[in-house]
């Protein structure tokens, strides 16, 4: 539990945050580094297929 507390503390510590995030424009990114495009219709279909009020993953996370 202490490890988790330390990780969360570091994650949300303002001293560890970057002041300015640098976002590259599409023109600045090499074609080899780009991820494949996701179509809006694919995204909408996936969202509609999701079960409501259910978390993804294994249900035994807290009780291994």
C-alpha atoms as a PDB file:
ATOM      1  CA  UNK A   1       0.000   0.000   0.000  1.00  0.00           C
ATOM      2  CA  UNK A   2       2.894   2.326   0.723  1.00  0.00           C
ATOM      3  CA  UNK A   3       4.289   1.861  -2.804  1.00  0.00           C
ATOM      4  CA  UNK A   4       0.929   2.855  -4.281  1.00  0.00           C
ATOM      5  CA  UNK A   5       0.773   5.912  -2.023  1.00  0.00           C
ATOM      6  CA  UNK A   6       4.258   6.994  -3.106  1.00  0.00           C
ATOM      7  CA  UNK A   7       3.410   6.556  -6.796  1.00  0.00           C
ATOM      8  CA  UNK A   8       0.213   8.585  -6.526  1.00  0.00           C
ATOM      9  CA  UNK A   9       1.958  11.279  -4.503  1.00  0.00           C
ATOM     10  CA  UNK A  10       4.667  11.604  -7.149  1.00  0.00           C
ATOM     11  CA  UNK A  11       2.148  11.575  -9.970  1.00  0.00           C
ATOM     12  CA  UNK A  12       0.121  14.458  -8.567  1.00  0.00           C
ATOM     13  CA  UNK A  13       2.998  16.436  -7.030  1.00  0.00           C
ATOM     14  CA  UNK A  14       3.057  19.869  -8.721  1.00  0.00           C
ATOM     15  CA  UNK A  15       6.869  19.887  -8.581  1.00  0.00           C
ATOM     16  CA  UNK A  16       6.968  16.861 -10.911  1.00  0.00           C
ATOM     17  CA  UNK A  17       4.632  18.307 -13.546  1.00  0.00           C
ATOM     18  CA  UNK A  18       5.892  19.772 -16.782  1.00  0.00           C
ATOM     19  CA  UNK A  19       5.042  23.419 -17.171  1.00  0.00           C
ATOM     20  CA  UNK A  20       4.710  23.416 -20.937  1.00  0.00           C
ATOM     21  CA  UNK A  21       3.644  20.441 -22.966  1.00  0.00           C
ATOM     22  CA  UNK A  22       5.041  20.483 -26.455  1.00  0.00           C
ATOM     23  CA  UNK A  23       2.579  19.200 -29.028  1.00  0.00           C
ATOM     24  CA  UNK A  24       3.895  18.426 -32.478  1.00  0.00           C
ATOM     25  CA  UNK A  25       1.849  19.382 -35.468  1.00  0.00           C
ATOM     26  CA  UNK A  26       0.924  16.641 -37.922  1.00  0.00           C
ATOM     27  CA  UNK A  27       3.444  17.987 -40.406  1.00  0.00           C
ATOM     28  CA  UNK A  28       6.277  17.620 -37.864  1.00  0.00           C
ATOM     29  CA  UNK A  29       5.654  13.909 -37.239  1.00  0.00           C
ATOM     30  CA  UNK A  30       7.332  11.391 -39.539  1.00  0.00           C
ATOM     31  CA  UNK A  31       4.944   9.154 -41.454  1.00  0.00           C
ATOM     32  CA  UNK A  32       6.592   6.100 -39.877  1.00  0.00           C
ATOM     33  CA  UNK A  33       5.755   7.366 -36.370  1.00  0.00           C
ATOM     34  CA  UNK A  34       2.048   7.912 -37.017  1.00  0.00           C
ATOM     35  CA  UNK A  35      -0.494   5.466 -35.658  1.00  0.00           C
ATOM     36  CA  UNK A  36      -3.145   4.086 -37.999  1.00  0.00           C
ATOM     37  CA  UNK A  37      -6.225   6.225 -38.377  1.00  0.00           C
ATOM     38  CA  UNK A  38      -9.393   5.339 -36.476  1.00  0.00           C
ATOM     39  CA  UNK A  39     -12.582   6.036 -38.358  1.00  0.00           C
ATOM     40  CA  UNK A  40     -15.354   7.847 -36.506  1.00  0.00           C
ATOM     41  CA  UNK A  41     -17.774   5.061 -37.473  1.00  0.00           C
ATOM     42  CA  UNK A  42     -15.443   2.480 -35.878  1.00  0.00           C
ATOM     43  CA  UNK A  43     -15.315   4.507 -32.683  1.00  0.00           C
ATOM     44  CA  UNK A  44     -19.091   4.970 -32.547  1.00  0.00           C
ATOM     45  CA  UNK A  45     -19.669   1.239 -33.145  1.00  0.00           C
ATOM     46  CA  UNK A  46     -17.237   0.297 -30.366  1.00  0.00           C
ATOM     47  CA  UNK A  47     -18.857   2.696 -27.888  1.00  0.00           C
ATOM     48  CA  UNK A  48     -22.325   1.339 -28.684  1.00  0.00           C
ATOM     49  CA  UNK A  49     -21.102  -2.242 -28.131  1.00  0.00           C
ATOM     50  CA  UNK A  50     -19.704  -1.448 -24.676  1.00  0.00           C
ATOM     51  CA  UNK A  51     -21.658  -2.765 -21.733  1.00  0.00           C
ATOM     52  CA  UNK A  52     -22.919   0.031 -19.510  1.00  0.00           C
ATOM     53  CA  UNK A  53     -21.548   0.476 -15.987  1.00  0.00           C
ATOM     54  CA  UNK A  54     -18.942  -2.257 -16.444  1.00  0.00           C
ATOM     55  CA  UNK A  55     -15.202  -1.898 -16.005  1.00  0.00           C
ATOM     56  CA  UNK A  56     -12.888  -3.497 -18.527  1.00  0.00           C
ATOM     57  CA  UNK A  57     -10.450  -6.189 -17.520  1.00  0.00           C
ATOM     58  CA  UNK A  58     -10.310  -8.986 -15.007  1.00  0.00           C
ATOM     59  CA  UNK A  59     -12.803  -8.828 -12.146  1.00  0.00           C
ATOM     60  CA  UNK A  60     -10.291 -10.321  -9.689  1.00  0.00           C
ATOM     61  CA  UNK A  61      -8.101  -7.216  -9.517  1.00  0.00           C
ATOM     62  CA  UNK A  62      -8.720  -6.573  -5.818  1.00  0.00           C
ATOM     63  CA  UNK A  63      -9.054 -10.247  -4.794  1.00  0.00           C
ATOM     64  CA  UNK A  64      -6.285 -12.210  -6.518  1.00  0.00           C
END
